């Protein structure tokens, strides 16, 4: 009986449709692998990564909210883009030129060196003011200085600092 059972299994294996069935199943396996590779590629296209390490400055959308295609979800602030904006009176303006070094001090942090990269060409007024020769001391000029990117990460947006010339 065992010999007859094995003989019948061999007969079934030799049937003409058997090799075609095996080829069809091999093709199905290959198609499933190709579909998996396509799904992996699609997932990798949807996963975005920041080009550099940065501080998440603002979150525009939360989990569960609808976001239009191509819209930003967060705003990043790389250390190289951190700058300190401060205002100086007209009398101190002559000593501040782009490229000059200044020292930044803040509560609870070590002094940070920074380089001035912008000095406004137009004055602003500290309100309330009526422009006259008597109120010239109320004129202020915007100055921007950037610390080195490695040290800029120690500062936080909106943090008050004291700026001293070097």
Protein backbone atom coordinates (compact mmCIF):
# COMPACT_ATOMS: atom_id res chain seq x y z
CA UNK A 1 0.00 0.00 0.00
CA UNK A 2 2.87 2.37 0.80
CA UNK A 3 4.51 1.63 -2.54
CA UNK A 4 1.24 2.31 -4.36
CA UNK A 5 0.80 5.63 -2.51
CA UNK A 6 4.32 6.77 -3.41
CA UNK A 7 3.80 5.62 -7.00
CA UNK A 8 0.63 7.74 -7.26
CA UNK A 9 2.46 10.79 -5.84
CA UNK A 10 5.12 10.35 -8.53
CA UNK A 11 2.41 10.05 -11.19
CA UNK A 12 0.78 13.28 -9.97
CA UNK A 13 4.15 15.07 -9.95
CA UNK A 14 4.70 14.01 -13.59
CA UNK A 15 1.37 15.32 -14.81
CA UNK A 16 1.79 17.85 -17.66
CA UNK A 17 0.12 20.81 -15.87
CA UNK A 18 2.36 20.55 -12.79
CA UNK A 19 5.40 22.43 -14.18
CA UNK A 20 3.18 25.22 -15.50
CA UNK A 21 1.56 25.52 -12.08
CA UNK A 22 4.99 25.78 -10.42
CA UNK A 23 6.06 28.46 -12.91
CA UNK A 24 2.86 30.41 -12.25
CA UNK A 25 3.44 30.30 -8.51
CA UNK A 26 7.08 31.38 -8.95
CA UNK A 27 5.82 34.32 -11.04
CA UNK A 28 3.36 35.22 -8.27
CA UNK A 29 6.18 35.21 -5.72
CA UNK A 30 8.26 37.48 -7.97
CA UNK A 31 5.28 39.83 -8.45
CA UNK A 32 4.79 40.01 -4.66
CA UNK A 33 8.49 40.89 -4.22
CA UNK A 34 8.19 43.64 -6.85
CA UNK A 35 5.06 45.01 -5.12
CA UNK A 36 6.95 45.05 -1.80
CA UNK A 37 9.87 46.91 -3.39
CA UNK A 38 7.43 49.44 -4.89
CA UNK A 39 5.72 49.96 -1.50
CA UNK A 40 9.12 50.47 0.18
CA UNK A 41 10.12 53.03 -2.46
CA UNK A 42 6.80 54.89 -2.06
CA UNK A 43 7.21 54.97 1.73
CA UNK A 44 10.78 56.30 1.41
CA UNK A 45 9.52 59.06 -0.90
CA UNK A 46 7.01 60.17 1.74
CA UNK A 47 9.49 60.16 4.62
CA UNK A 48 11.18 63.58 4.70
CA UNK A 49 14.34 64.32 6.61
CA UNK A 50 15.90 67.65 7.43
CA UNK A 51 19.07 68.32 5.41
CA UNK A 52 20.89 69.40 8.61
CA UNK A 53 20.39 69.22 12.34
CA UNK A 54 18.16 72.09 13.46
CA UNK A 55 15.92 73.39 16.22
CA UNK A 56 12.19 72.95 15.63
CA UNK A 57 11.26 76.63 15.75
CA UNK A 58 7.53 76.29 15.12
CA UNK A 59 5.05 73.44 14.63
CA UNK A 60 2.41 74.42 12.08
CA UNK A 61 0.24 71.27 12.20
CA UNK A 62 -0.49 68.65 14.85
CA UNK A 63 -1.22 64.95 14.46
CA UNK A 64 -4.65 64.40 12.98
CA UNK A 65 -4.86 67.77 11.17
CA UNK A 66 -5.21 67.91 7.40
CA UNK A 67 -2.16 69.26 5.56
CA UNK A 68 -2.28 70.38 1.95
CA UNK A 69 0.25 68.66 -0.34
CA UNK A 70 3.55 70.52 -0.40
CA UNK A 71 2.79 72.54 2.74
CA UNK A 72 5.39 72.74 5.51
CA UNK A 73 4.54 71.04 8.80
CA UNK A 74 7.33 72.48 10.96
CA UNK A 75 9.74 75.40 10.72
CA UNK A 76 13.36 74.57 11.38
CA UNK A 77 16.06 76.93 12.60
CA UNK A 78 19.56 75.63 11.78
CA UNK A 79 22.34 76.90 14.08
CA UNK A 80 23.89 78.80 11.16
CA UNK A 81 20.74 80.92 10.83
CA UNK A 82 20.57 82.04 14.45
CA UNK A 83 21.27 85.73 14.76
CA UNK A 84 21.01 88.34 17.46
CA UNK A 85 19.15 91.54 16.60
CA UNK A 86 19.79 94.57 18.75
CA UNK A 87 19.37 98.32 18.53
CA UNK A 88 22.06 100.87 19.23
CA UNK A 89 21.77 104.62 19.67
CA UNK A 90 23.08 106.93 16.99
CA UNK A 91 26.11 107.87 19.11
CA UNK A 92 27.35 104.24 19.24
CA UNK A 93 26.75 103.53 15.55
CA UNK A 94 30.13 104.79 14.31
CA UNK A 95 32.00 102.04 16.19
CA UNK A 96 29.91 99.17 14.79
CA UNK A 97 30.81 97.98 11.31
CA UNK A 98 30.06 94.68 9.57
CA UNK A 99 32.78 92.18 10.43
CA UNK A 100 33.46 93.60 13.90
CA UNK A 101 33.41 91.15 16.81
CA UNK A 102 31.04 91.59 19.76
CA UNK A 103 30.43 89.53 22.90
CA UNK A 104 26.96 88.22 23.74
CA UNK A 105 26.00 87.62 27.35
CA UNK A 106 22.81 86.09 28.67
CA UNK A 107 21.55 84.86 32.01
CA UNK A 108 23.01 81.47 32.84
CA UNK A 109 25.31 81.17 29.84
CA UNK A 110 28.98 81.69 29.05
CA UNK A 111 29.94 84.76 26.99
CA UNK A 112 29.60 84.03 23.26
CA UNK A 113 31.62 85.74 20.54
CA UNK A 114 29.64 86.95 17.52
CA UNK A 115 30.38 88.86 14.34
CA UNK A 116 28.30 91.79 13.11
CA UNK A 117 27.01 91.10 9.62
CA UNK A 118 24.39 93.83 9.17
CA UNK A 119 23.97 97.45 10.24
CA UNK A 120 20.79 99.24 9.16
CA UNK A 121 21.18 102.28 6.95
CA UNK A 122 18.04 103.96 8.24
CA UNK A 123 17.18 105.00 11.77
CA UNK A 124 14.15 103.93 13.70
CA UNK A 125 12.52 105.87 16.47
CA UNK A 126 11.84 104.77 19.99
CA UNK A 127 8.21 105.83 20.47
CA UNK A 128 6.87 108.30 21.34
CA UNK A 129 9.08 110.79 19.59
CA UNK A 130 8.76 113.91 17.56
CA UNK A 131 11.91 114.32 15.52
CA UNK A 132 13.93 117.38 16.40
CA UNK A 133 17.51 118.17 17.33
CA UNK A 134 16.56 117.73 20.97
CA UNK A 135 15.35 114.15 20.42
CA UNK A 136 18.24 112.83 18.31
CA UNK A 137 19.22 110.56 21.20
CA UNK A 138 15.99 108.62 20.60
CA UNK A 139 17.20 107.47 17.16
CA UNK A 140 18.26 103.82 17.12
CA UNK A 141 19.73 101.60 14.40
CA UNK A 142 19.16 97.87 13.93
CA UNK A 143 22.31 95.74 14.07
CA UNK A 144 22.48 91.97 13.49
CA UNK A 145 25.29 89.72 14.72
CA UNK A 146 25.76 85.98 14.23
CA UNK A 147 27.53 83.70 16.67
CA UNK A 148 29.46 80.69 15.38
CA UNK A 149 27.03 77.87 14.46
CA UNK A 150 28.56 75.54 17.06
CA UNK A 151 27.85 78.08 19.81
CA UNK A 152 24.59 79.43 18.41
CA UNK A 153 22.71 76.35 19.61
CA UNK A 154 23.17 77.63 23.18
CA UNK A 155 20.92 80.62 22.42
CA UNK A 156 17.13 80.43 22.21
CA UNK A 157 14.87 82.52 19.95
CA UNK A 158 13.58 85.56 21.82
CA UNK A 159 16.09 85.23 24.63
CA UNK A 160 17.28 88.58 26.01
CA UNK A 161 21.03 89.15 25.65
CA UNK A 162 23.50 91.88 26.47
CA UNK A 163 25.83 92.91 23.65
CA UNK A 164 29.27 94.31 24.41
CA UNK A 165 31.89 95.45 21.90
CA UNK A 166 35.17 93.51 21.94
